[in-house]
Amino acid sequence: MSDLQSYLQSCTEKIEETLDELLPSKELYPQSIHSLMRYSMFAGGKRIRPALLITAHESCGGDCFARNALYTGAAIEMLHTFSLIHDDLPCMDDDDFRRGKPTAHKAYSESLAVLGGDALCIFAYEVLSRTDNMAVVAEVSRCLGTAGMIGGQVVDIESEGKGVTLSTVEYIHKNKTAALIRCSLVCGALLAGASKKEVDLLGEYGESLGVAFQVIDDILDCTSSTDVLGKNVGSDLEKGKATWPALTSLEESRRYAHELTAQAKECAAQFGAAGERLIEVAHYLEERIH
């Protein structure tokens, strides 16, 4: 596990170096929006999505920390951060803290947070264009839109305070959270020139891992503390969010997260020795609930 943590730390450092290289300087006019973009991008995220992209890229024979993998990972992290900035807005979840720091609309202003999220989304596509890989651009677009993350966010908002079924919760999890995680793995494979079978396996791995990731987040919202998570806990329950623990139980949610993680590991195992890192990552993410 210490070897995995060292590997993930290396991924984080490489991605943060790439983000620092790519993002506009906070001294560039208009300074306010560039400052917000950097504030949000360097607020202490775990960089799980780009790390998964790099791992998938290597598992399919790609060079470690290849330029296109780093650029795509950085772009996906920008898109993830854009979604968090907007998710925290008063018109959405109205959260005051993210990763232990004031959310963008609290640190700056609501209007600048909207524009800053927009700017990161647009700039991410500029970065993606530098890879000259239209299959990657198409995959990111699909996973980001109404058939992915945005669609999941819409159903999440519309389900607040309502009696929903587990199938609705599953839709939200697969689209709002798992879509971009799945996308990271698929893009890593595409950049490495992987076969269709390899791309499909990593897509299945990413979807199972992504849903498990959200179920675990929902469990932690019920059982952890603000100091540990760096954001308000218990807010899902207060807002009547559609979550797995709210519809079942903590015990059943833990069982389901374990089942999904096992499914992800089965997909990774089909890569043989090249899939060992993916298995380790799945185990590492599940350990958050312990």
C-alpha atoms as a PDB file:
ATOM      1  CA  MET A   1       0.000   0.000   0.000  1.00  0.00           C
ATOM      2  CA  SER A   2       2.908   2.365   0.711  1.00  0.00           C
ATOM      3  CA  ASP A   3       4.100   1.732  -2.866  1.00  0.00           C
ATOM      4  CA  LEU A   4       0.632   2.636  -4.164  1.00  0.00           C
ATOM      5  CA  GLN A   5       0.536   5.801  -2.079  1.00  0.00           C
ATOM      6  CA  SER A   6       3.944   6.766  -3.435  1.00  0.00           C
ATOM      7  CA  TYR A   7       2.683   6.141  -6.980  1.00  0.00           C
ATOM      8  CA  LEU A   8      -0.468   8.204  -6.418  1.00  0.00           C
ATOM      9  CA  GLN A   9       1.632  10.991  -4.924  1.00  0.00           C
ATOM     10  CA  SER A  10       3.810  10.977  -8.048  1.00  0.00           C
ATOM     11  CA  CYS A  11       0.664  11.219 -10.199  1.00  0.00           C
ATOM     12  CA  THR A  12      -0.590  14.125  -8.092  1.00  0.00           C
ATOM     13  CA  GLU A  13       2.713  15.976  -8.387  1.00  0.00           C
ATOM     14  CA  LYS A  14       2.886  15.495 -12.163  1.00  0.00           C
ATOM     15  CA  ILE A  15      -0.710  16.645 -12.649  1.00  0.00           C
ATOM     16  CA  GLU A  16      -0.229  19.680 -10.429  1.00  0.00           C
ATOM     17  CA  GLU A  17       2.925  20.628 -12.329  1.00  0.00           C
ATOM     18  CA  THR A  18       0.935  20.313 -15.564  1.00  0.00           C
ATOM     19  CA  LEU A  19      -1.962  22.375 -14.200  1.00  0.00           C
ATOM     20  CA  ASP A  20       0.441  25.076 -13.034  1.00  0.00           C
ATOM     21  CA  GLU A  21       2.012  25.123 -16.485  1.00  0.00           C
ATOM     22  CA  LEU A  22      -1.323  25.293 -18.335  1.00  0.00           C
ATOM     23  CA  LEU A  23      -3.514  27.593 -16.232  1.00  0.00           C
ATOM     24  CA  PRO A  24      -3.351  31.358 -16.828  1.00  0.00           C
ATOM     25  CA  SER A  25      -1.294  33.279 -14.272  1.00  0.00           C
ATOM     26  CA  LYS A  26      -3.340  34.958 -11.541  1.00  0.00           C
ATOM     27  CA  GLU A  27      -1.472  38.146 -12.491  1.00  0.00           C
ATOM     28  CA  LEU A  28      -2.981  38.056 -15.990  1.00  0.00           C
ATOM     29  CA  TYR A  29      -5.799  40.558 -16.584  1.00  0.00           C
ATOM     30  CA  PRO A  30      -8.601  40.159 -15.566  1.00  0.00           C
ATOM     31  CA  GLN A  31      -6.843  38.931 -12.439  1.00  0.00           C
ATOM     32  CA  SER A  32      -9.995  38.107 -10.455  1.00  0.00           C
ATOM     33  CA  ILE A  33     -11.149  35.200 -12.613  1.00  0.00           C
ATOM     34  CA  HIS A  34      -7.669  33.754 -13.087  1.00  0.00           C
ATOM     35  CA  SER A  35      -7.135  33.945  -9.343  1.00  0.00           C
ATOM     36  CA  LEU A  36     -10.424  32.071  -8.748  1.00  0.00           C
ATOM     37  CA  MET A  37      -9.506  29.408 -11.306  1.00  0.00           C
ATOM     38  CA  ARG A  38      -6.201  28.746  -9.545  1.00  0.00           C
ATOM     39  CA  TYR A  39      -7.765  28.962  -6.079  1.00  0.00           C
ATOM     40  CA  SER A  40     -10.264  26.259  -7.023  1.00  0.00           C
ATOM     41  CA  MET A  41      -7.790  24.063  -8.914  1.00  0.00           C
ATOM     42  CA  PHE A  42      -5.234  24.041  -6.096  1.00  0.00           C
ATOM     43  CA  ALA A  43      -7.648  23.647  -3.178  1.00  0.00           C
ATOM     44  CA  GLY A  44      -6.279  20.223  -2.222  1.00  0.00           C
ATOM     45  CA  GLY A  45      -8.085  17.694  -4.414  1.00  0.00           C
ATOM     46  CA  LYS A  46      -6.976  14.031  -4.420  1.00  0.00           C
ATOM     47  CA  ARG A  47      -6.529  14.007  -8.255  1.00  0.00           C
ATOM     48  CA  ILE A  48      -8.113  10.554  -8.403  1.00  0.00           C
ATOM     49  CA  ARG A  49      -9.439  10.953 -11.943  1.00  0.00           C
ATOM     50  CA  PRO A  50      -6.140  11.890 -13.617  1.00  0.00           C
ATOM     51  CA  ALA A  51      -4.358   9.219 -11.546  1.00  0.00           C
ATOM     52  CA  LEU A  52      -6.819   6.637 -12.891  1.00  0.00           C
ATOM     53  CA  LEU A  53      -6.245   7.925 -16.435  1.00  0.00           C
ATOM     54  CA  ILE A  54      -2.466   7.578 -16.035  1.00  0.00           C
ATOM     55  CA  THR A  55      -2.868   4.087 -14.535  1.00  0.00           C
ATOM     56  CA  ALA A  56      -5.143   2.954 -17.380  1.00  0.00           C
ATOM     57  CA  HIS A  57      -2.718   4.423 -19.908  1.00  0.00           C
ATOM     58  CA  GLU A  58       0.163   2.432 -18.413  1.00  0.00           C
ATOM     59  CA  SER A  59      -1.960  -0.741 -18.122  1.00  0.00           C
ATOM     60  CA  CYS A  60      -2.531  -0.578 -21.885  1.00  0.00           C
ATOM     61  CA  GLY A  61       1.157  -0.119 -22.684  1.00  0.00           C
ATOM     62  CA  GLY A  62       1.383   3.676 -22.702  1.00  0.00           C
ATOM     63  CA  ASP A  63       4.493   5.541 -21.550  1.00  0.00           C
ATOM     64  CA  CYS A  64       4.500   6.668 -17.923  1.00  0.00           C
ATOM     65  CA  PHE A  65       3.509  10.355 -17.649  1.00  0.00           C
ATOM     66  CA  ALA A  66       3.269  10.869 -21.417  1.00  0.00           C
ATOM     67  CA  ARG A  67       2.436  14.460 -22.388  1.00  0.00           C
ATOM     68  CA  ASN A  68      -0.993  13.676 -23.862  1.00  0.00           C
ATOM     69  CA  ALA A  69      -1.954  11.629 -20.798  1.00  0.00           C
ATOM     70  CA  LEU A  70      -0.946  14.492 -18.488  1.00  0.00           C
ATOM     71  CA  TYR A  71      -2.786  17.072 -20.601  1.00  0.00           C
ATOM     72  CA  THR A  72      -5.949  14.965 -20.751  1.00  0.00           C
ATOM     73  CA  GLY A  73      -5.760  14.234 -17.029  1.00  0.00           C
ATOM     74  CA  ALA A  74      -5.354  17.946 -16.304  1.00  0.00           C
ATOM     75  CA  ALA A  75      -8.312  18.789 -18.556  1.00  0.00           C
ATOM     76  CA  ILE A  76     -10.526  16.213 -16.817  1.00  0.00           C
ATOM     77  CA  GLU A  77      -9.499  17.619 -13.434  1.00  0.00           C
ATOM     78  CA  MET A  78     -10.510  21.097 -14.667  1.00  0.00           C
ATOM     79  CA  LEU A  79     -13.896  19.711 -15.717  1.00  0.00           C
ATOM     80  CA  HIS A  80     -14.334  17.997 -12.362  1.00  0.00           C
ATOM     81  CA  THR A  81     -13.484  21.244 -10.546  1.00  0.00           C
ATOM     82  CA  PHE A  82     -15.859  23.223 -12.757  1.00  0.00           C
ATOM     83  CA  SER A  83     -18.642  20.853 -11.708  1.00  0.00           C
ATOM     84  CA  LEU A  84     -17.773  21.279  -8.011  1.00  0.00           C
ATOM     85  CA  ILE A  85     -17.755  25.080  -8.244  1.00  0.00           C
ATOM     86  CA  HIS A  86     -21.245  25.051  -9.758  1.00  0.00           C
ATOM     87  CA  ASP A  87     -22.441  22.255  -7.449  1.00  0.00           C
ATOM     88  CA  ASP A  88     -21.570  24.414  -4.416  1.00  0.00           C
ATOM     89  CA  LEU A  89     -23.500  27.484  -5.626  1.00  0.00           C
ATOM     90  CA  PRO A  90     -26.534  28.766  -3.655  1.00  0.00           C
ATOM     91  CA  CYS A  91     -28.820  27.757  -6.526  1.00  0.00           C
ATOM     92  CA  MET A  92     -27.508  24.173  -6.305  1.00  0.00           C
ATOM     93  CA  ASP A  93     -26.257  22.651  -3.013  1.00  0.00           C
ATOM     94  CA  ASP A  94     -25.387  25.970  -1.314  1.00  0.00           C
ATOM     95  CA  ASP A  95     -22.256  24.678   0.429  1.00  0.00           C
ATOM     96  CA  ASP A  96     -19.844  26.931   2.326  1.00  0.00           C
ATOM     97  CA  PHE A  97     -16.799  24.658   2.420  1.00  0.00           C
ATOM     98  CA  ARG A  98     -15.019  22.388  -0.027  1.00  0.00           C
ATOM     99  CA  ARG A  99     -11.847  20.469   0.900  1.00  0.00           C
ATOM    100  CA  GLY A 100     -11.624  22.430   4.138  1.00  0.00           C
ATOM    101  CA  LYS A 101     -11.617  25.847   2.423  1.00  0.00           C
ATOM    102  CA  PRO A 102     -14.373  28.359   1.629  1.00  0.00           C
ATOM    103  CA  THR A 103     -16.129  27.461  -1.615  1.00  0.00           C
ATOM    104  CA  ALA A 104     -15.434  29.654  -4.652  1.00  0.00           C
ATOM    105  CA  HIS A 105     -18.600  31.754  -4.291  1.00  0.00           C
ATOM    106  CA  LYS A 106     -17.716  32.389  -0.623  1.00  0.00           C
ATOM    107  CA  ALA A 107     -14.057  33.225  -1.268  1.00  0.00           C
ATOM    108  CA  TYR A 108     -14.902  35.438  -4.263  1.00  0.00           C
ATOM    109  CA  SER A 109     -18.509  36.075  -5.332  1.00  0.00           C
ATOM    110  CA  GLU A 110     -21.410  34.109  -6.755  1.00  0.00           C
ATOM    111  CA  SER A 111     -21.185  35.738 -10.185  1.00  0.00           C
ATOM    112  CA  LEU A 112     -17.428  35.198 -10.414  1.00  0.00           C
ATOM    113  CA  ALA A 113     -17.848  31.555  -9.326  1.00  0.00           C
ATOM    114  CA  VAL A 114     -20.294  30.959 -12.196  1.00  0.00           C
ATOM    115  CA  LEU A 115     -17.886  32.526 -14.680  1.00  0.00           C
ATOM    116  CA  GLY A 116     -14.876  30.771 -13.163  1.00  0.00           C
ATOM    117  CA  GLY A 117     -16.544  27.386 -13.545  1.00  0.00           C
ATOM    118  CA  ASP A 118     -17.449  28.255 -17.132  1.00  0.00           C
ATOM    119  CA  ALA A 119     -13.871  29.366 -17.811  1.00  0.00           C
ATOM    120  CA  LEU A 120     -12.408  26.087 -16.531  1.00  0.00           C
ATOM    121  CA  CYS A 121     -14.827  24.080 -18.666  1.00  0.00           C
ATOM    122  CA  ILE A 122     -13.944  26.039 -21.797  1.00  0.00           C
ATOM    123  CA  PHE A 123     -10.206  26.037 -21.096  1.00  0.00           C
ATOM    124  CA  ALA A 124     -10.285  22.272 -20.549  1.00  0.00           C
ATOM    125  CA  TYR A 125     -11.401  21.819 -24.156  1.00  0.00           C
ATOM    126  CA  GLU A 126      -8.596  24.067 -25.359  1.00  0.00           C
ATOM    127  CA  VAL A 127      -6.173  21.756 -23.543  1.00  0.00           C
ATOM    128  CA  LEU A 128      -7.862  18.636 -24.958  1.00  0.00           C
ATOM    129  CA  SER A 129      -7.474  20.038 -28.476  1.00  0.00           C
ATOM    130  CA  ARG A 130      -3.694  19.933 -28.015  1.00  0.00           C
ATOM    131  CA  THR A 131      -3.796  16.112 -27.861  1.00  0.00           C
ATOM    132  CA  ASP A 132      -5.034  15.885 -31.480  1.00  0.00           C
ATOM    133  CA  ASN A 133      -7.203  12.934 -30.434  1.00  0.00           C
ATOM    134  CA  MET A 134     -10.823  13.393 -31.477  1.00  0.00           C
ATOM    135  CA  ALA A 135     -11.884  10.084 -29.902  1.00  0.00           C
ATOM    136  CA  VAL A 136     -10.829  11.473 -26.518  1.00  0.00           C
ATOM    137  CA  VAL A 137     -12.630  14.781 -27.115  1.00  0.00           C
ATOM    138  CA  ALA A 138     -15.797  12.898 -28.100  1.00  0.00           C
ATOM    139  CA  GLU A 139     -15.591  10.635 -25.037  1.00  0.00           C
ATOM    140  CA  VAL A 140     -15.147  13.565 -22.660  1.00  0.00           C
ATOM    141  CA  SER A 141     -18.036  15.450 -24.293  1.00  0.00           C
ATOM    142  CA  ARG A 142     -20.401  12.510 -23.963  1.00  0.00           C
ATOM    143  CA  CYS A 143     -19.515  11.875 -20.331  1.00  0.00           C
ATOM    144  CA  LEU A 144     -19.869  15.548 -19.443  1.00  0.00           C
ATOM    145  CA  GLY A 145     -23.235  16.244 -21.094  1.00  0.00           C
ATOM    146  CA  THR A 146     -26.855  15.300 -20.536  1.00  0.00           C
ATOM    147  CA  ALA A 147     -26.018  11.637 -21.120  1.00  0.00           C
ATOM    148  CA  GLY A 148     -23.486  11.889 -18.286  1.00  0.00           C
ATOM    149  CA  MET A 149     -22.534  14.270 -15.492  1.00  0.00           C
ATOM    150  CA  ILE A 150     -24.965  17.101 -16.237  1.00  0.00           C
ATOM    151  CA  GLY A 151     -27.844  14.649 -16.712  1.00  0.00           C
ATOM    152  CA  GLY A 152     -27.036  13.118 -13.329  1.00  0.00           C
ATOM    153  CA  GLN A 153     -26.917  16.526 -11.676  1.00  0.00           C
ATOM    154  CA  VAL A 154     -30.332  17.428 -13.113  1.00  0.00           C
ATOM    155  CA  VAL A 155     -31.960  14.265 -11.743  1.00  0.00           C
ATOM    156  CA  ASP A 156     -30.145  14.759  -8.418  1.00  0.00           C
ATOM    157  CA  ILE A 157     -31.653  18.248  -8.018  1.00  0.00           C
ATOM    158  CA  GLU A 158     -35.096  17.168  -9.181  1.00  0.00           C
ATOM    159  CA  SER A 159     -35.087  14.238  -6.722  1.00  0.00           C
ATOM    160  CA  GLU A 160     -34.382  16.270  -3.571  1.00  0.00           C
ATOM    161  CA  GLY A 161     -37.020  15.729  -0.888  1.00  0.00           C
ATOM    162  CA  LYS A 162     -38.948  13.250  -3.006  1.00  0.00           C
ATOM    163  CA  GLY A 163     -39.586   9.546  -2.623  1.00  0.00           C
ATOM    164  CA  VAL A 164     -37.355   7.977  -5.257  1.00  0.00           C
ATOM    165  CA  THR A 165     -36.456   4.413  -6.151  1.00  0.00           C
ATOM    166  CA  LEU A 166     -33.031   2.769  -6.026  1.00  0.00           C
ATOM    167  CA  SER A 167     -33.007   2.820  -9.833  1.00  0.00           C
ATOM    168  CA  THR A 168     -33.148   6.629  -9.711  1.00  0.00           C
ATOM    169  CA  VAL A 169     -30.302   6.730  -7.196  1.00  0.00           C
ATOM    170  CA  GLU A 170     -28.342   4.369  -9.451  1.00  0.00           C
ATOM    171  CA  TYR A 171     -28.939   6.690 -12.432  1.00  0.00           C
ATOM    172  CA  ILE A 172     -27.675   9.677 -10.430  1.00  0.00           C
ATOM    173  CA  HIS A 173     -24.569   7.824  -9.257  1.00  0.00           C
ATOM    174  CA  LYS A 174     -23.736   6.407 -12.695  1.00  0.00           C
ATOM    175  CA  ASN A 175     -24.046   9.779 -14.364  1.00  0.00           C
ATOM    176  CA  LYS A 176     -23.187  12.484 -11.844  1.00  0.00           C
ATOM    177  CA  THR A 177     -20.109  10.718 -10.429  1.00  0.00           C
ATOM    178  CA  ALA A 178     -19.195   7.533 -12.290  1.00  0.00           C
ATOM    179  CA  ALA A 179     -19.364   9.010 -15.811  1.00  0.00           C
ATOM    180  CA  LEU A 180     -16.268  11.182 -15.388  1.00  0.00           C
ATOM    181  CA  ILE A 181     -14.375   8.422 -13.554  1.00  0.00           C
ATOM    182  CA  ARG A 182     -15.243   5.986 -16.340  1.00  0.00           C
ATOM    183  CA  CYS A 183     -14.226   8.642 -18.868  1.00  0.00           C
ATOM    184  CA  SER A 184     -10.790   9.013 -17.241  1.00  0.00           C
ATOM    185  CA  LEU A 185     -10.056   5.307 -17.642  1.00  0.00           C
ATOM    186  CA  VAL A 186     -11.400   5.083 -21.187  1.00  0.00           C
ATOM    187  CA  CYS A 187      -9.377   8.142 -22.243  1.00  0.00           C
ATOM    188  CA  GLY A 188      -6.216   6.629 -20.780  1.00  0.00           C
ATOM    189  CA  ALA A 189      -6.833   3.515 -22.855  1.00  0.00           C
ATOM    190  CA  LEU A 190      -7.635   5.466 -26.029  1.00  0.00           C
ATOM    191  CA  LEU A 191      -4.454   7.532 -25.727  1.00  0.00           C
ATOM    192  CA  ALA A 192      -2.436   4.302 -25.448  1.00  0.00           C
ATOM    193  CA  GLY A 193      -4.012   2.877 -28.618  1.00  0.00           C
ATOM    194  CA  ALA A 194      -5.771   0.107 -26.686  1.00  0.00           C
ATOM    195  CA  SER A 195      -7.969  -2.554 -28.290  1.00  0.00           C
ATOM    196  CA  LYS A 196     -11.761  -2.316 -28.127  1.00  0.00           C
ATOM    197  CA  LYS A 197     -11.787  -5.149 -25.573  1.00  0.00           C
ATOM    198  CA  GLU A 198      -9.360  -3.253 -23.331  1.00  0.00           C
ATOM    199  CA  VAL A 199     -11.339  -0.006 -23.678  1.00  0.00           C
ATOM    200  CA  ASP A 200     -14.598  -1.801 -22.828  1.00  0.00           C
ATOM    201  CA  LEU A 201     -13.060  -3.539 -19.798  1.00  0.00           C
ATOM    202  CA  LEU A 202     -11.709  -0.265 -18.448  1.00  0.00           C
ATOM    203  CA  GLY A 203     -15.094   1.346 -19.054  1.00  0.00           C
ATOM    204  CA  GLU A 204     -16.747  -1.383 -16.955  1.00  0.00           C
ATOM    205  CA  TYR A 205     -14.067  -1.025 -14.286  1.00  0.00           C
ATOM    206  CA  GLY A 206     -14.611   2.749 -14.215  1.00  0.00           C
ATOM    207  CA  GLU A 207     -18.392   2.537 -13.932  1.00  0.00           C
ATOM    208  CA  SER A 208     -18.283   0.024 -11.058  1.00  0.00           C
ATOM    209  CA  LEU A 209     -15.541   1.978  -9.295  1.00  0.00           C
ATOM    210  CA  GLY A 210     -17.332   5.278  -9.868  1.00  0.00           C
ATOM    211  CA  VAL A 211     -20.636   4.127  -8.384  1.00  0.00           C
ATOM    212  CA  ALA A 212     -18.770   2.565  -5.434  1.00  0.00           C
ATOM    213  CA  PHE A 213     -16.920   5.878  -4.966  1.00  0.00           C
ATOM    214  CA  GLN A 214     -20.228   7.769  -4.669  1.00  0.00           C
ATOM    215  CA  VAL A 215     -21.840   5.183  -2.375  1.00  0.00           C
ATOM    216  CA  ILE A 216     -18.773   5.454  -0.102  1.00  0.00           C
ATOM    217  CA  ASP A 217     -19.046   9.270  -0.185  1.00  0.00           C
ATOM    218  CA  ASP A 218     -22.688   8.939   0.882  1.00  0.00           C
ATOM    219  CA  ILE A 219     -21.679   6.633   3.743  1.00  0.00           C
ATOM    220  CA  LEU A 220     -18.997   9.092   4.877  1.00  0.00           C
ATOM    221  CA  ASP A 221     -21.541  11.932   4.794  1.00  0.00           C
ATOM    222  CA  CYS A 222     -23.448   9.972   7.455  1.00  0.00           C
ATOM    223  CA  THR A 223     -20.524   8.721   9.542  1.00  0.00           C
ATOM    224  CA  SER A 224     -17.546  11.081   9.233  1.00  0.00           C
ATOM    225  CA  SER A 225     -16.844  14.636  10.424  1.00  0.00           C
ATOM    226  CA  THR A 226     -16.386  18.014   8.780  1.00  0.00           C
ATOM    227  CA  ASP A 227     -12.739  18.089   9.913  1.00  0.00           C
ATOM    228  CA  VAL A 228     -12.001  14.767   8.217  1.00  0.00           C
ATOM    229  CA  LEU A 229     -13.935  15.365   4.974  1.00  0.00           C
ATOM    230  CA  GLY A 230     -13.214  19.091   4.617  1.00  0.00           C
ATOM    231  CA  LYS A 231     -16.868  19.843   3.849  1.00  0.00           C
ATOM    232  CA  ASN A 232     -20.164  19.950   5.702  1.00  0.00           C
ATOM    233  CA  VAL A 233     -21.336  16.474   6.723  1.00  0.00           C
ATOM    234  CA  GLY A 234     -24.956  15.460   7.103  1.00  0.00           C
ATOM    235  CA  SER A 235     -25.972  17.932   4.408  1.00  0.00           C
ATOM    236  CA  ASP A 236     -27.305  15.176   2.107  1.00  0.00           C
ATOM    237  CA  LEU A 237     -29.779  14.112   4.786  1.00  0.00           C
ATOM    238  CA  GLU A 238     -30.813  17.705   5.530  1.00  0.00           C
ATOM    239  CA  LYS A 239     -31.516  18.385   1.855  1.00  0.00           C
ATOM    240  CA  GLY A 240     -33.357  15.112   1.305  1.00  0.00           C
ATOM    241  CA  LYS A 241     -30.784  13.939  -1.240  1.00  0.00           C
ATOM    242  CA  ALA A 242     -31.350  10.647  -3.060  1.00  0.00           C
ATOM    243  CA  THR A 243     -28.558   8.465  -1.652  1.00  0.00           C
ATOM    244  CA  TRP A 244     -28.023   4.756  -1.104  1.00  0.00           C
ATOM    245  CA  PRO A 245     -27.912   4.992   2.746  1.00  0.00           C
ATOM    246  CA  ALA A 246     -31.110   7.077   2.772  1.00  0.00           C
ATOM    247  CA  LEU A 247     -33.034   4.374   0.894  1.00  0.00           C
ATOM    248  CA  THR A 248     -31.450   1.275   2.432  1.00  0.00           C
ATOM    249  CA  SER A 249     -29.084   1.284   5.430  1.00  0.00           C
ATOM    250  CA  LEU A 250     -25.419   1.879   6.193  1.00  0.00           C
ATOM    251  CA  GLU A 251     -24.819  -1.870   6.391  1.00  0.00           C
ATOM    252  CA  GLU A 252     -26.457  -2.491   3.000  1.00  0.00           C
ATOM    253  CA  SER A 253     -24.583   0.476   1.514  1.00  0.00           C
ATOM    254  CA  ARG A 254     -21.242  -0.945   2.702  1.00  0.00           C
ATOM    255  CA  ARG A 255     -22.165  -4.339   1.227  1.00  0.00           C
ATOM    256  CA  TYR A 256     -23.059  -2.746  -2.110  1.00  0.00           C
ATOM    257  CA  ALA A 257     -19.843  -0.692  -2.206  1.00  0.00           C
ATOM    258  CA  HIS A 258     -17.863  -3.885  -1.572  1.00  0.00           C
ATOM    259  CA  GLU A 259     -19.765  -5.723  -4.345  1.00  0.00           C
ATOM    260  CA  LEU A 260     -19.077  -2.932  -6.835  1.00  0.00           C
ATOM    261  CA  THR A 261     -15.403  -2.799  -5.873  1.00  0.00           C
ATOM    262  CA  ALA A 262     -15.147  -6.555  -6.400  1.00  0.00           C
ATOM    263  CA  GLN A 263     -16.677  -6.148  -9.879  1.00  0.00           C
ATOM    264  CA  ALA A 264     -14.078  -3.493 -10.718  1.00  0.00           C
ATOM    265  CA  LYS A 265     -11.268  -5.760  -9.517  1.00  0.00           C
ATOM    266  CA  GLU A 266     -12.559  -8.593 -11.721  1.00  0.00           C
ATOM    267  CA  CYS A 267     -12.303  -6.341 -14.777  1.00  0.00           C
ATOM    268  CA  ALA A 268      -8.774  -5.249 -13.834  1.00  0.00           C
ATOM    269  CA  ALA A 269      -7.710  -8.850 -13.237  1.00  0.00           C
ATOM    270  CA  GLN A 270      -8.250  -9.584 -16.946  1.00  0.00           C
ATOM    271  CA  PHE A 271      -5.206  -7.397 -17.695  1.00  0.00           C
ATOM    272  CA  GLY A 272      -2.988  -9.818 -15.772  1.00  0.00           C
ATOM    273  CA  ALA A 273       0.082  -8.229 -14.191  1.00  0.00           C
ATOM    274  CA  ALA A 274      -0.681  -4.939 -15.975  1.00  0.00           C
ATOM    275  CA  GLY A 275      -3.944  -4.671 -14.034  1.00  0.00           C
ATOM    276  CA  GLU A 276      -2.463  -5.059 -10.556  1.00  0.00           C
ATOM    277  CA  ARG A 277      -2.249  -1.318  -9.964  1.00  0.00           C
ATOM    278  CA  LEU A 278      -5.904  -0.909 -10.887  1.00  0.00           C
ATOM    279  CA  ILE A 279      -6.823  -3.588  -8.344  1.00  0.00           C
ATOM    280  CA  GLU A 280      -4.770  -1.792  -5.685  1.00  0.00           C
ATOM    281  CA  VAL A 281      -6.492   1.517  -6.442  1.00  0.00           C
ATOM    282  CA  ALA A 282      -9.947  -0.059  -6.132  1.00  0.00           C
ATOM    283  CA  HIS A 283      -9.000  -1.554  -2.766  1.00  0.00           C
ATOM    284  CA  TYR A 284      -7.492   1.749  -1.613  1.00  0.00           C
ATOM    285  CA  LEU A 285     -10.657   3.705  -2.426  1.00  0.00           C
ATOM    286  CA  GLU A 286     -12.886   1.195  -0.645  1.00  0.00           C
ATOM    287  CA  GLU A 287     -10.738   1.473   2.492  1.00  0.00           C
ATOM    288  CA  ARG A 288     -12.008   5.037   2.994  1.00  0.00           C
ATOM    289  CA  ILE A 289     -15.086   3.638   4.814  1.00  0.00           C
ATOM    290  CA  HIS A 290     -12.848   1.898   7.359  1.00  0.00           C
END
